Amino acid sequence: MNVTGPMGADRVMALRAQILERNEALKNAGQTGSAAPAGGSAAPGSFGATLDAALKSVNQQQSAARAATDAYERGDTVDVAKVMLARQQASISFEATLQVRNKLLSAYKDIMSMPV
């Protein structure tokens, strides 16, 4: 059982750095009049690919937590602390994903309500 998981602190910090880097690139592109991001078209590190990878990561964490819980309930030799850590990590990942979704929906609604 991997306690740090794919959405560990290093991964979150890397995503944060990537977001800040893209934000700076978009800010610079807006000042020069160019609308294209520095990375070009849909690169493997694009927002959609990053979001897809994050959702898959959350799904894997929830599956691992479910498997650990099932193994513990069956009476297999599983440390209860590892089971609780896996469940808590999956819960936090899900809550973070839910908050990102809520922020995206809020931003979408704000953009759609802007006068043209």
PDB file of N, CA and C in Angstrom:
ATOM      1  N   MET A   1       0.839  -1.170   0.000  1.00  0.00           N
ATOM      2  CA  MET A   1       0.000   0.000   0.000  1.00  0.00           C
ATOM      3  C   MET A   1       0.887   1.236   0.000  1.00  0.00           C
ATOM      4  N   ASN A   2       0.710   2.085  -0.965  1.00  0.00           N
ATOM      5  CA  ASN A   2       1.498   3.306  -1.115  1.00  0.00           C
ATOM      6  C   ASN A   2       0.805   4.430  -0.353  1.00  0.00           C
ATOM      7  N   VAL A   3       1.441   4.910   0.708  1.00  0.00           N
ATOM      8  CA  VAL A   3       0.819   5.920   1.558  1.00  0.00           C
ATOM      9  C   VAL A   3       0.835   7.293   0.904  1.00  0.00           C
ATOM     10  N   THR A   4       1.914   7.627   0.190  1.00  0.00           N
ATOM     11  CA  THR A   4       1.989   8.940  -0.431  1.00  0.00           C
ATOM     12  C   THR A   4       1.120   9.026  -1.670  1.00  0.00           C
ATOM     13  N   GLY A   5       1.048   7.977  -2.440  1.00  0.00           N
ATOM     14  CA  GLY A   5       0.173   7.921  -3.606  1.00  0.00           C
ATOM     15  C   GLY A   5       0.602   8.851  -4.718  1.00  0.00           C
ATOM     16  N   PRO A   6      -0.118   8.791  -5.835  1.00  0.00           N
ATOM     17  CA  PRO A   6       0.212   9.616  -6.984  1.00  0.00           C
ATOM     18  C   PRO A   6      -0.060  11.106  -6.753  1.00  0.00           C
ATOM     19  N   MET A   7      -0.893  11.462  -5.807  1.00  0.00           N
ATOM     20  CA  MET A   7      -1.176  12.867  -5.525  1.00  0.00           C
ATOM     21  C   MET A   7      -0.495  13.281  -4.227  1.00  0.00           C
ATOM     22  N   GLY A   8       0.751  12.837  -4.037  1.00  0.00           N
ATOM     23  CA  GLY A   8       1.516  13.199  -2.861  1.00  0.00           C
ATOM     24  C   GLY A   8       1.920  14.668  -2.910  1.00  0.00           C
ATOM     25  N   ALA A   9       2.616  15.095  -1.879  1.00  0.00           N
ATOM     26  CA  ALA A   9       3.008  16.505  -1.759  1.00  0.00           C
ATOM     27  C   ALA A   9       3.892  16.945  -2.923  1.00  0.00           C
ATOM     28  N   ASP A  10       4.792  16.068  -3.381  1.00  0.00           N
ATOM     29  CA  ASP A  10       5.657  16.421  -4.504  1.00  0.00           C
ATOM     30  C   ASP A  10       4.849  16.660  -5.769  1.00  0.00           C
ATOM     31  N   ARG A  11       3.865  15.823  -6.010  1.00  0.00           N
ATOM     32  CA  ARG A  11       3.023  15.944  -7.209  1.00  0.00           C
ATOM     33  C   ARG A  11       2.203  17.234  -7.148  1.00  0.00           C
ATOM     34  N   VAL A  12       1.651  17.535  -5.966  1.00  0.00           N
ATOM     35  CA  VAL A  12       0.856  18.745  -5.809  1.00  0.00           C
ATOM     36  C   VAL A  12       1.729  19.984  -6.024  1.00  0.00           C
ATOM     37  N   MET A  13       2.947  19.972  -5.473  1.00  0.00           N
ATOM     38  CA  MET A  13       3.845  21.101  -5.653  1.00  0.00           C
ATOM     39  C   MET A  13       4.264  21.252  -7.113  1.00  0.00           C
ATOM     40  N   ALA A  14       4.451  20.125  -7.812  1.00  0.00           N
ATOM     41  CA  ALA A  14       4.795  20.186  -9.232  1.00  0.00           C
ATOM     42  C   ALA A  14       3.635  20.763 -10.038  1.00  0.00           C
ATOM     43  N   LEU A  15       2.407  20.367  -9.707  1.00  0.00           N
ATOM     44  CA  LEU A  15       1.238  20.919 -10.394  1.00  0.00           C
ATOM     45  C   LEU A  15       1.105  22.411 -10.115  1.00  0.00           C
ATOM     46  N   ARG A  16       1.374  22.814  -8.879  1.00  0.00           N
ATOM     47  CA  ARG A  16       1.317  24.230  -8.520  1.00  0.00           C
ATOM     48  C   ARG A  16       2.335  25.022  -9.327  1.00  0.00           C
ATOM     49  N   ALA A  17       3.561  24.494  -9.420  1.00  0.00           N
ATOM     50  CA  ALA A  17       4.606  25.176 -10.174  1.00  0.00           C
ATOM     51  C   ALA A  17       4.215  25.280 -11.648  1.00  0.00           C
ATOM     52  N   GLN A  18       3.611  24.212 -12.173  1.00  0.00           N
ATOM     53  CA  GLN A  18       3.191  24.219 -13.570  1.00  0.00           C
ATOM     54  C   GLN A  18       2.097  25.271 -13.802  1.00  0.00           C
ATOM     55  N   ILE A  19       1.168  25.376 -12.872  1.00  0.00           N
ATOM     56  CA  ILE A  19       0.094  26.369 -13.002  1.00  0.00           C
ATOM     57  C   ILE A  19       0.663  27.780 -12.956  1.00  0.00           C
ATOM     58  N   LEU A  20       1.586  28.013 -12.027  1.00  0.00           N
ATOM     59  CA  LEU A  20       2.196  29.342 -11.929  1.00  0.00           C
ATOM     60  C   LEU A  20       2.990  29.680 -13.193  1.00  0.00           C
ATOM     61  N   GLU A  21       3.683  28.681 -13.733  1.00  0.00           N
ATOM     62  CA  GLU A  21       4.459  28.886 -14.954  1.00  0.00           C
ATOM     63  C   GLU A  21       3.554  29.228 -16.134  1.00  0.00           C
ATOM     64  N   ARG A  22       2.454  28.506 -16.262  1.00  0.00           N
ATOM     65  CA  ARG A  22       1.516  28.773 -17.359  1.00  0.00           C
ATOM     66  C   ARG A  22       0.830  30.126 -17.181  1.00  0.00           C
ATOM     67  N   ASN A  23       0.525  30.466 -15.937  1.00  0.00           N
ATOM     68  CA  ASN A  23      -0.082  31.760 -15.670  1.00  0.00           C
ATOM     69  C   ASN A  23       0.851  32.885 -16.108  1.00  0.00           C
ATOM     70  N   GLU A  24       2.125  32.750 -15.784  1.00  0.00           N
ATOM     71  CA  GLU A  24       3.110  33.753 -16.183  1.00  0.00           C
ATOM     72  C   GLU A  24       3.235  33.814 -17.711  1.00  0.00           C
ATOM     73  N   ALA A  25       3.216  32.646 -18.366  1.00  0.00           N
ATOM     74  CA  ALA A  25       3.315  32.611 -19.823  1.00  0.00           C
ATOM     75  C   ALA A  25       2.100  33.276 -20.464  1.00  0.00           C
ATOM     76  N   LEU A  26       0.911  33.021 -19.896  1.00  0.00           N
ATOM     77  CA  LEU A  26      -0.299  33.653 -20.433  1.00  0.00           C
ATOM     78  C   LEU A  26      -0.281  35.159 -20.202  1.00  0.00           C
ATOM     79  N   LYS A  27       0.232  35.559 -19.066  1.00  0.00           N
ATOM     80  CA  LYS A  27       0.322  36.989 -18.764  1.00  0.00           C
ATOM     81  C   LYS A  27       1.275  37.672 -19.748  1.00  0.00           C
ATOM     82  N   ASN A  28       2.412  37.028 -20.015  1.00  0.00           N
ATOM     83  CA  ASN A  28       3.376  37.572 -20.977  1.00  0.00           C
ATOM     84  C   ASN A  28       2.805  37.566 -22.385  1.00  0.00           C
ATOM     85  N   ALA A  29       2.063  36.520 -22.742  1.00  0.00           N
ATOM     86  CA  ALA A  29       1.468  36.435 -24.072  1.00  0.00           C
ATOM     87  C   ALA A  29       0.422  37.520 -24.255  1.00  0.00           C
ATOM     88  N   GLY A  30      -0.326  37.837 -23.197  1.00  0.00           N
ATOM     89  CA  GLY A  30      -1.329  38.899 -23.269  1.00  0.00           C
ATOM     90  C   GLY A  30      -0.702  40.263 -23.463  1.00  0.00           C
ATOM     91  N   GLN A  31       0.490  40.468 -22.915  1.00  0.00           N
ATOM     92  CA  GLN A  31       1.168  41.750 -23.050  1.00  0.00           C
ATOM     93  C   GLN A  31       1.764  41.922 -24.441  1.00  0.00           C
ATOM     94  N   THR A  32       2.166  40.817 -25.081  1.00  0.00           N
ATOM     95  CA  THR A  32       2.764  40.909 -26.412  1.00  0.00           C
ATOM     96  C   THR A  32       1.727  40.811 -27.516  1.00  0.00           C
ATOM     97  N   GLY A  33       0.466  40.509 -27.153  1.00  0.00           N
ATOM     98  CA  GLY A  33      -0.586  40.425 -28.153  1.00  0.00           C
ATOM     99  C   GLY A  33      -0.785  39.034 -28.702  1.00  0.00           C
ATOM    100  N   SER A  34       0.008  38.081 -28.293  1.00  0.00           N
ATOM    101  CA  SER A  34      -0.133  36.712 -28.769  1.00  0.00           C
ATOM    102  C   SER A  34      -1.073  35.959 -27.851  1.00  0.00           C
ATOM    103  N   ALA A  35      -2.020  35.214 -28.419  1.00  0.00           N
ATOM    104  CA  ALA A  35      -2.986  34.472 -27.609  1.00  0.00           C
ATOM    105  C   ALA A  35      -2.548  33.044 -27.382  1.00  0.00           C
ATOM    106  N   ALA A  36      -1.510  32.573 -28.036  1.00  0.00           N
ATOM    107  CA  ALA A  36      -1.093  31.178 -27.901  1.00  0.00           C
ATOM    108  C   ALA A  36      -0.207  31.013 -26.681  1.00  0.00           C
ATOM    109  N   PRO A  37      -0.441  29.942 -25.883  1.00  0.00           N
ATOM    110  CA  PRO A  37       0.423  29.697 -24.749  1.00  0.00           C
ATOM    111  C   PRO A  37       1.813  29.286 -25.203  1.00  0.00           C
ATOM    112  N   ALA A  38       2.793  29.409 -24.321  1.00  0.00           N
ATOM    113  CA  ALA A  38       4.179  29.117 -24.666  1.00  0.00           C
ATOM    114  C   ALA A  38       4.389  27.658 -25.045  1.00  0.00           C
ATOM    115  N   GLY A  39       3.574  26.776 -24.519  1.00  0.00           N
ATOM    116  CA  GLY A  39       3.744  25.348 -24.772  1.00  0.00           C
ATOM    117  C   GLY A  39       3.223  24.911 -26.126  1.00  0.00           C
ATOM    118  N   GLY A  40       2.579  25.769 -26.869  1.00  0.00           N
ATOM    119  CA  GLY A  40       2.031  25.387 -28.162  1.00  0.00           C
ATOM    120  C   GLY A  40       0.627  24.843 -28.005  1.00  0.00           C
ATOM    121  N   SER A  41       0.246  23.923 -28.896  1.00  0.00           N
ATOM    122  CA  SER A  41      -1.094  23.344 -28.838  1.00  0.00           C
ATOM    123  C   SER A  41      -1.146  22.271 -27.773  1.00  0.00           C
ATOM    124  N   ALA A  42      -2.189  21.465 -27.766  1.00  0.00           N
ATOM    125  CA  ALA A  42      -2.465  20.485 -26.710  1.00  0.00           C
ATOM    126  C   ALA A  42      -1.278  19.566 -26.456  1.00  0.00           C
ATOM    127  N   ALA A  43      -0.417  19.997 -25.572  1.00  0.00           N
ATOM    128  CA  ALA A  43       0.766  19.224 -25.206  1.00  0.00           C
ATOM    129  C   ALA A  43       0.394  18.208 -24.135  1.00  0.00           C
ATOM    130  N   PRO A  44       1.262  17.221 -23.912  1.00  0.00           N
ATOM    131  CA  PRO A  44       0.964  16.243 -22.872  1.00  0.00           C
ATOM    132  C   PRO A  44       0.777  16.889 -21.495  1.00  0.00           C
ATOM    133  N   GLY A  45       1.347  18.056 -21.266  1.00  0.00           N
ATOM    134  CA  GLY A  45       1.200  18.738 -19.995  1.00  0.00           C
ATOM    135  C   GLY A  45       0.069  19.761 -20.009  1.00  0.00           C
ATOM    136  N   SER A  46      -0.863  19.637 -20.952  1.00  0.00           N
ATOM    137  CA  SER A  46      -1.950  20.606 -21.065  1.00  0.00           C
ATOM    138  C   SER A  46      -2.904  20.478 -19.877  1.00  0.00           C
ATOM    139  N   PHE A  47      -3.773  21.453 -19.751  1.00  0.00           N
ATOM    140  CA  PHE A  47      -4.728  21.456 -18.641  1.00  0.00           C
ATOM    141  C   PHE A  47      -5.607  20.218 -18.668  1.00  0.00           C
ATOM    142  N   GLY A  48      -6.098  19.856 -19.853  1.00  0.00           N
ATOM    143  CA  GLY A  48      -6.958  18.681 -19.972  1.00  0.00           C
ATOM    144  C   GLY A  48      -6.245  17.401 -19.575  1.00  0.00           C
ATOM    145  N   ALA A  49      -4.984  17.269 -20.009  1.00  0.00           N
ATOM    146  CA  ALA A  49      -4.218  16.070 -19.660  1.00  0.00           C
ATOM    147  C   ALA A  49      -3.924  16.034 -18.165  1.00  0.00           C
ATOM    148  N   THR A  50      -3.620  17.185 -17.591  1.00  0.00           N
ATOM    149  CA  THR A  50      -3.353  17.257 -16.157  1.00  0.00           C
ATOM    150  C   THR A  50      -4.602  16.926 -15.356  1.00  0.00           C
ATOM    151  N   LEU A  51      -5.733  17.462 -15.782  1.00  0.00           N
ATOM    152  CA  LEU A  51      -6.994  17.183 -15.104  1.00  0.00           C
ATOM    153  C   LEU A  51      -7.356  15.708 -15.213  1.00  0.00           C
ATOM    154  N   ASP A  52      -7.168  15.136 -16.391  1.00  0.00           N
ATOM    155  CA  ASP A  52      -7.442  13.715 -16.597  1.00  0.00           C
ATOM    156  C   ASP A  52      -6.557  12.851 -15.704  1.00  0.00           C
ATOM    157  N   ALA A  53      -5.282  13.189 -15.625  1.00  0.00           N
ATOM    158  CA  ALA A  53      -4.360  12.436 -14.771  1.00  0.00           C
ATOM    159  C   ALA A  53      -4.741  12.557 -13.298  1.00  0.00           C
ATOM    160  N   ALA A  54      -5.167  13.748 -12.887  1.00  0.00           N
ATOM    161  CA  ALA A  54      -5.570  13.943 -11.489  1.00  0.00           C
ATOM    162  C   ALA A  54      -6.820  13.133 -11.165  1.00  0.00           C
ATOM    163  N   LEU A  55      -7.783  13.106 -12.077  1.00  0.00           N
ATOM    164  CA  LEU A  55      -8.997  12.325 -11.848  1.00  0.00           C
ATOM    165  C   LEU A  55      -8.695  10.831 -11.792  1.00  0.00           C
ATOM    166  N   LYS A  56      -7.814  10.378 -12.655  1.00  0.00           N
ATOM    167  CA  LYS A  56      -7.416   8.968 -12.615  1.00  0.00           C
ATOM    168  C   LYS A  56      -6.698   8.646 -11.312  1.00  0.00           C
ATOM    169  N   SER A  57      -5.899   9.575 -10.838  1.00  0.00           N
ATOM    170  CA  SER A  57      -5.181   9.389  -9.582  1.00  0.00           C
ATOM    171  C   SER A  57      -6.158   9.269  -8.409  1.00  0.00           C
ATOM    172  N   VAL A  58      -7.164  10.131  -8.386  1.00  0.00           N
ATOM    173  CA  VAL A  58      -8.168  10.075  -7.325  1.00  0.00           C
ATOM    174  C   VAL A  58      -8.918   8.747  -7.388  1.00  0.00           C
ATOM    175  N   ASN A  59      -9.248   8.315  -8.584  1.00  0.00           N
ATOM    176  CA  ASN A  59      -9.937   7.038  -8.751  1.00  0.00           C
ATOM    177  C   ASN A  59      -9.074   5.876  -8.255  1.00  0.00           C
ATOM    178  N   GLN A  60      -7.777   5.898  -8.566  1.00  0.00           N
ATOM    179  CA  GLN A  60      -6.880   4.845  -8.101  1.00  0.00           C
ATOM    180  C   GLN A  60      -6.771   4.847  -6.585  1.00  0.00           C
ATOM    181  N   GLN A  61      -6.711   6.030  -5.991  1.00  0.00           N
ATOM    182  CA  GLN A  61      -6.632   6.109  -4.536  1.00  0.00           C
ATOM    183  C   GLN A  61      -7.890   5.568  -3.882  1.00  0.00           C
ATOM    184  N   GLN A  62      -9.039   5.875  -4.459  1.00  0.00           N
ATOM    185  CA  GLN A  62     -10.287   5.365  -3.902  1.00  0.00           C
ATOM    186  C   GLN A  62     -10.377   3.849  -4.072  1.00  0.00           C
ATOM    187  N   SER A  63      -9.909   3.342  -5.203  1.00  0.00           N
ATOM    188  CA  SER A  63      -9.906   1.893  -5.417  1.00  0.00           C
ATOM    189  C   SER A  63      -8.968   1.198  -4.435  1.00  0.00           C
ATOM    190  N   ALA A  64      -7.795   1.792  -4.208  1.00  0.00           N
ATOM    191  CA  ALA A  64      -6.838   1.205  -3.262  1.00  0.00           C
ATOM    192  C   ALA A  64      -7.402   1.228  -1.845  1.00  0.00           C
ATOM    193  N   ALA A  65      -8.061   2.309  -1.480  1.00  0.00           N
ATOM    194  CA  ALA A  65      -8.664   2.391  -0.148  1.00  0.00           C
ATOM    195  C   ALA A  65      -9.787   1.373   0.003  1.00  0.00           C
ATOM    196  N   ARG A  66     -10.574   1.214  -1.047  1.00  0.00           N
ATOM    197  CA  ARG A  66     -11.657   0.230  -1.019  1.00  0.00           C
ATOM    198  C   ARG A  66     -11.094  -1.183  -0.900  1.00  0.00           C
ATOM    199  N   ALA A  67     -10.028  -1.468  -1.641  1.00  0.00           N
ATOM    200  CA  ALA A  67      -9.411  -2.792  -1.576  1.00  0.00           C
ATOM    201  C   ALA A  67      -8.820  -3.053  -0.191  1.00  0.00           C
ATOM    202  N   ALA A  68      -8.180  -2.048   0.395  1.00  0.00           N
ATOM    203  CA  ALA A  68      -7.612  -2.214   1.738  1.00  0.00           C
ATOM    204  C   ALA A  68      -8.715  -2.428   2.767  1.00  0.00           C
ATOM    205  N   THR A  69      -9.812  -1.697   2.634  1.00  0.00           N
ATOM    206  CA  THR A  69     -10.941  -1.863   3.554  1.00  0.00           C
ATOM    207  C   THR A  69     -11.548  -3.247   3.419  1.00  0.00           C
ATOM    208  N   ASP A  70     -11.731  -3.698   2.177  1.00  0.00           N
ATOM    209  CA  ASP A  70     -12.285  -5.037   1.952  1.00  0.00           C
ATOM    210  C   ASP A  70     -11.381  -6.112   2.523  1.00  0.00           C
ATOM    211  N   ALA A  71     -10.071  -5.952   2.340  1.00  0.00           N
ATOM    212  CA  ALA A  71      -9.122  -6.934   2.874  1.00  0.00           C
ATOM    213  C   ALA A  71      -9.181  -6.956   4.401  1.00  0.00           C
ATOM    214  N   TYR A  72      -9.301  -5.798   5.014  1.00  0.00           N
ATOM    215  CA  TYR A  72      -9.381  -5.735   6.471  1.00  0.00           C
ATOM    216  C   TYR A  72     -10.673  -6.383   6.964  1.00  0.00           C
ATOM    217  N   GLU A  73     -11.775  -6.125   6.263  1.00  0.00           N
ATOM    218  CA  GLU A  73     -13.063  -6.700   6.659  1.00  0.00           C
ATOM    219  C   GLU A  73     -13.100  -8.208   6.478  1.00  0.00           C
ATOM    220  N   ARG A  74     -12.355  -8.713   5.494  1.00  0.00           N
ATOM    221  CA  ARG A  74     -12.280 -10.167   5.293  1.00  0.00           C
ATOM    222  C   ARG A  74     -11.425 -10.842   6.358  1.00  0.00           C
ATOM    223  N   GLY A  75     -10.648 -10.063   7.078  1.00  0.00           N
ATOM    224  CA  GLY A  75      -9.800 -10.626   8.112  1.00  0.00           C
ATOM    225  C   GLY A  75      -8.385 -10.903   7.640  1.00  0.00           C
ATOM    226  N   ASP A  76      -8.042 -10.404   6.466  1.00  0.00           N
ATOM    227  CA  ASP A  76      -6.671 -10.569   5.983  1.00  0.00           C
ATOM    228  C   ASP A  76      -5.724  -9.811   6.904  1.00  0.00           C
ATOM    229  N   THR A  77      -4.461 -10.142   6.822  1.00  0.00           N
ATOM    230  CA  THR A  77      -3.461  -9.482   7.648  1.00  0.00           C
ATOM    231  C   THR A  77      -3.145  -8.118   7.043  1.00  0.00           C
ATOM    232  N   VAL A  78      -3.893  -7.117   7.496  1.00  0.00           N
ATOM    233  CA  VAL A  78      -3.723  -5.741   7.024  1.00  0.00           C
ATOM    234  C   VAL A  78      -3.674  -4.842   8.248  1.00  0.00           C
ATOM    235  N   ASP A  79      -2.700  -3.964   8.279  1.00  0.00           N
ATOM    236  CA  ASP A  79      -2.566  -3.023   9.382  1.00  0.00           C
ATOM    237  C   ASP A  79      -3.706  -2.008   9.317  1.00  0.00           C
ATOM    238  N   VAL A  80      -4.425  -1.856  10.422  1.00  0.00           N
ATOM    239  CA  VAL A  80      -5.567  -0.951  10.449  1.00  0.00           C
ATOM    240  C   VAL A  80      -5.123   0.501  10.217  1.00  0.00           C
ATOM    241  N   ALA A  81      -3.924   0.850  10.639  1.00  0.00           N
ATOM    242  CA  ALA A  81      -3.431   2.213  10.411  1.00  0.00           C
ATOM    243  C   ALA A  81      -3.263   2.485   8.925  1.00  0.00           C
ATOM    244  N   LYS A  82      -2.765   1.504   8.174  1.00  0.00           N
ATOM    245  CA  LYS A  82      -2.621   1.681   6.724  1.00  0.00           C
ATOM    246  C   LYS A  82      -3.979   1.817   6.056  1.00  0.00           C
ATOM    247  N   VAL A  83      -4.951   1.066   6.543  1.00  0.00           N
ATOM    248  CA  VAL A  83      -6.304   1.152   5.989  1.00  0.00           C
ATOM    249  C   VAL A  83      -6.875   2.542   6.236  1.00  0.00           C
ATOM    250  N   MET A  84      -6.726   3.037   7.447  1.00  0.00           N
ATOM    251  CA  MET A  84      -7.256   4.360   7.779  1.00  0.00           C
ATOM    252  C   MET A  84      -6.529   5.470   7.013  1.00  0.00           C
ATOM    253  N   LEU A  85      -5.210   5.332   6.846  1.00  0.00           N
ATOM    254  CA  LEU A  85      -4.457   6.316   6.067  1.00  0.00           C
ATOM    255  C   LEU A  85      -4.900   6.324   4.605  1.00  0.00           C
ATOM    256  N   ALA A  86      -5.101   5.146   4.042  1.00  0.00           N
ATOM    257  CA  ALA A  86      -5.540   5.061   2.650  1.00  0.00           C
ATOM    258  C   ALA A  86      -6.920   5.681   2.482  1.00  0.00           C
ATOM    259  N   ARG A  87      -7.808   5.411   3.433  1.00  0.00           N
ATOM    260  CA  ARG A  87      -9.158   5.978   3.351  1.00  0.00           C
ATOM    261  C   ARG A  87      -9.130   7.494   3.508  1.00  0.00           C
ATOM    262  N   GLN A  88      -8.311   7.981   4.425  1.00  0.00           N
ATOM    263  CA  GLN A  88      -8.221   9.425   4.643  1.00  0.00           C
ATOM    264  C   GLN A  88      -7.613  10.116   3.429  1.00  0.00           C
ATOM    265  N   GLN A  89      -6.582   9.507   2.842  1.00  0.00           N
ATOM    266  CA  GLN A  89      -5.950  10.090   1.659  1.00  0.00           C
ATOM    267  C   GLN A  89      -6.938  10.137   0.494  1.00  0.00           C
ATOM    268  N   ALA A  90      -7.701   9.066   0.317  1.00  0.00           N
ATOM    269  CA  ALA A  90      -8.695   9.047  -0.752  1.00  0.00           C
ATOM    270  C   ALA A  90      -9.770  10.101  -0.507  1.00  0.00           C
ATOM    271  N   SER A  91     -10.155  10.268   0.745  1.00  0.00           N
ATOM    272  CA  SER A  91     -11.163  11.269   1.087  1.00  0.00           C
ATOM    273  C   SER A  91     -10.663  12.683   0.812  1.00  0.00           C
ATOM    274  N   ILE A  92      -9.431  12.967   1.202  1.00  0.00           N
ATOM    275  CA  ILE A  92      -8.871  14.299   0.974  1.00  0.00           C
ATOM    276  C   ILE A  92      -8.713  14.567  -0.514  1.00  0.00           C
ATOM    277  N   SER A  93      -8.264  13.573  -1.257  1.00  0.00           N
ATOM    278  CA  SER A  93      -8.123  13.734  -2.712  1.00  0.00           C
ATOM    279  C   SER A  93      -9.469  14.023  -3.357  1.00  0.00           C
ATOM    280  N   PHE A  94     -10.493  13.307  -2.918  1.00  0.00           N
ATOM    281  CA  PHE A  94     -11.827  13.522  -3.471  1.00  0.00           C
ATOM    282  C   PHE A  94     -12.337  14.915  -3.133  1.00  0.00           C
ATOM    283  N   GLU A  95     -12.143  15.338  -1.888  1.00  0.00           N
ATOM    284  CA  GLU A  95     -12.594  16.676  -1.485  1.00  0.00           C
ATOM    285  C   GLU A  95     -11.872  17.761  -2.272  1.00  0.00           C
ATOM    286  N   ALA A  96     -10.571  17.587  -2.490  1.00  0.00           N
ATOM    287  CA  ALA A  96      -9.816  18.562  -3.269  1.00  0.00           C
ATOM    288  C   ALA A  96     -10.332  18.611  -4.706  1.00  0.00           C
ATOM    289  N   THR A  97     -10.612  17.460  -5.274  1.00  0.00           N
ATOM    290  CA  THR A  97     -11.152  17.397  -6.633  1.00  0.00           C
ATOM    291  C   THR A  97     -12.513  18.073  -6.702  1.00  0.00           C
ATOM    292  N   LEU A  98     -13.321  17.855  -5.691  1.00  0.00           N
ATOM    293  CA  LEU A  98     -14.637  18.471  -5.633  1.00  0.00           C
ATOM    294  C   LEU A  98     -14.530  19.990  -5.547  1.00  0.00           C
ATOM    295  N   GLN A  99     -13.576  20.492  -4.771  1.00  0.00           N
ATOM    296  CA  GLN A  99     -13.382  21.934  -4.657  1.00  0.00           C
ATOM    297  C   GLN A  99     -12.899  22.533  -5.982  1.00  0.00           C
ATOM    298  N   VAL A 100     -12.016  21.827  -6.681  1.00  0.00           N
ATOM    299  CA  VAL A 100     -11.554  22.301  -7.995  1.00  0.00           C
ATOM    300  C   VAL A 100     -12.723  22.353  -8.959  1.00  0.00           C
ATOM    301  N   ARG A 101     -13.566  21.322  -8.943  1.00  0.00           N
ATOM    302  CA  ARG A 101     -14.739  21.304  -9.810  1.00  0.00           C
ATOM    303  C   ARG A 101     -15.657  22.483  -9.497  1.00  0.00           C
ATOM    304  N   ASN A 102     -15.879  22.747  -8.220  1.00  0.00           N
ATOM    305  CA  ASN A 102     -16.745  23.862  -7.832  1.00  0.00           C
ATOM    306  C   ASN A 102     -16.175  25.200  -8.298  1.00  0.00           C
ATOM    307  N   LYS A 103     -14.860  25.363  -8.181  1.00  0.00           N
ATOM    308  CA  LYS A 103     -14.226  26.606  -8.634  1.00  0.00           C
ATOM    309  C   LYS A 103     -14.331  26.749 -10.149  1.00  0.00           C
ATOM    310  N   LEU A 104     -14.149  25.652 -10.875  1.00  0.00           N
ATOM    311  CA  LEU A 104     -14.272  25.701 -12.331  1.00  0.00           C
ATOM    312  C   LEU A 104     -15.693  26.054 -12.750  1.00  0.00           C
ATOM    313  N   LEU A 105     -16.685  25.458 -12.091  1.00  0.00           N
ATOM    314  CA  LEU A 105     -18.075  25.782 -12.409  1.00  0.00           C
ATOM    315  C   LEU A 105     -18.390  27.238 -12.090  1.00  0.00           C
ATOM    316  N   SER A 106     -17.870  27.721 -10.980  1.00  0.00           N
ATOM    317  CA  SER A 106     -18.086  29.118 -10.610  1.00  0.00           C
ATOM    318  C   SER A 106     -17.453  30.049 -11.645  1.00  0.00           C
ATOM    319  N   ALA A 107     -16.241  29.738 -12.073  1.00  0.00           N
ATOM    320  CA  ALA A 107     -15.575  30.553 -13.091  1.00  0.00           C
ATOM    321  C   ALA A 107     -16.346  30.513 -14.406  1.00  0.00           C
ATOM    322  N   TYR A 108     -16.841  29.337 -14.779  1.00  0.00           N
ATOM    323  CA  TYR A 108     -17.626  29.199 -16.012  1.00  0.00           C
ATOM    324  C   TYR A 108     -18.898  30.052 -15.935  1.00  0.00           C
ATOM    325  N   LYS A 109     -19.570  29.998 -14.796  1.00  0.00           N
ATOM    326  CA  LYS A 109     -20.806  30.787 -14.636  1.00  0.00           C
ATOM    327  C   LYS A 109     -20.484  32.284 -14.702  1.00  0.00           C
ATOM    328  N   ASP A 110     -19.371  32.681 -14.087  1.00  0.00           N
ATOM    329  CA  ASP A 110     -18.973  34.092 -14.135  1.00  0.00           C
ATOM    330  C   ASP A 110     -18.700  34.540 -15.560  1.00  0.00           C
ATOM    331  N   ILE A 111     -18.008  33.716 -16.308  1.00  0.00           N
ATOM    332  CA  ILE A 111     -17.690  34.052 -17.688  1.00  0.00           C
ATOM    333  C   ILE A 111     -18.944  34.112 -18.538  1.00  0.00           C
ATOM    334  N   MET A 112     -19.860  33.167 -18.326  1.00  0.00           N
ATOM    335  CA  MET A 112     -21.075  33.139 -19.133  1.00  0.00           C
ATOM    336  C   MET A 112     -22.016  34.306 -18.798  1.00  0.00           C
ATOM    337  N   SER A 113     -21.907  34.842 -17.582  1.00  0.00           N
ATOM    338  CA  SER A 113     -22.795  35.948 -17.219  1.00  0.00           C
ATOM    339  C   SER A 113     -22.202  37.325 -17.569  1.00  0.00           C
ATOM    340  N   MET A 114     -21.005  37.347 -18.136  1.00  0.00           N
ATOM    341  CA  MET A 114     -20.388  38.612 -18.526  1.00  0.00           C
ATOM    342  C   MET A 114     -21.120  39.202 -19.723  1.00  0.00           C
ATOM    343  N   PRO A 115     -21.331  40.512 -19.686  1.00  0.00           N
ATOM    344  CA  PRO A 115     -21.959  41.125 -20.857  1.00  0.00           C
ATOM    345  C   PRO A 115     -20.979  41.160 -22.031  1.00  0.00           C
ATOM    346  N   VAL A 116     -21.529  41.013 -23.221  1.00  0.00           N
ATOM    347  CA  VAL A 116     -20.695  40.975 -24.421  1.00  0.00           C
ATOM    348  C   VAL A 116     -20.448  42.336 -24.969  1.00  0.00           C
TER     349      VAL A 116
END
